[in-house]
Amino acid sequence: MNYFETIKCNDYKIYNLSYHEKRIANTIGKNINLQEYIYPINSKLLKCKVIYNQDEVISVSFLPYTKKIITTFKLVYDDEIKYKYKSEDRQRLEQLYLKRENADEIIIVKNNLITDTTIANIAIFLENQWFTAKVPLLKGTTRQRYIDNLKIKEINITIKMLMNAHRIALLNAMIDFDSIDEYKILV
């Protein structure tokens, strides 16, 4: 099985390596010093993809990054989906994404609770507090950083809570904490 990390690089700076290294250690049970492998190719905003397996780092690539604009979401239900480790096997996520209809992205509902989108963890702003899913599909590095810094709190997010939220945010390594004020959720 191959796994991967997506790491933000900008102006030759590499972001949040310790969180990525910790997730790798949790995935394969050993430490990898990513600093030995990542050398940004230019000063632009880059998406660094490190592919690895149980034994080694397989490849490191860099692509220019442009943020995807997301303002509409479709709720998609799947009580069986599992994506505990950030693996290259994203077939189930891709199948669910095809159900988005006219929406830009999906929000995956598992056992009647909000989990993630296909590309990011999600947070909601409700009662003057940011909350994120207590049981996400994938424990993202940005999500963990915001939990550690006490900026978001983990709870079970119901569909009703999502619909009553004042704002939502997407969290991933490339967009960090992207608060979306104007959005639409299709049910």
Foldseek 3Di string as FASTA:
>chain_A
DKAKAKWKAAQQDTPDQVLVQVLVCVVQVDGDDCVVPDGDPHRATWTWMFMDDNPGTDDIDIDHDDDDDFFEEEEFEDQPDAQAGRGPPCPVLVVRQVVRVPGPWYFYAHPQFTADISAFWKWFQDPNAIETALDHRYDASLNVVCVVVVRYYHDGHGPVNVVPTQWMWTDHNRVRTGIDRHHYYHD
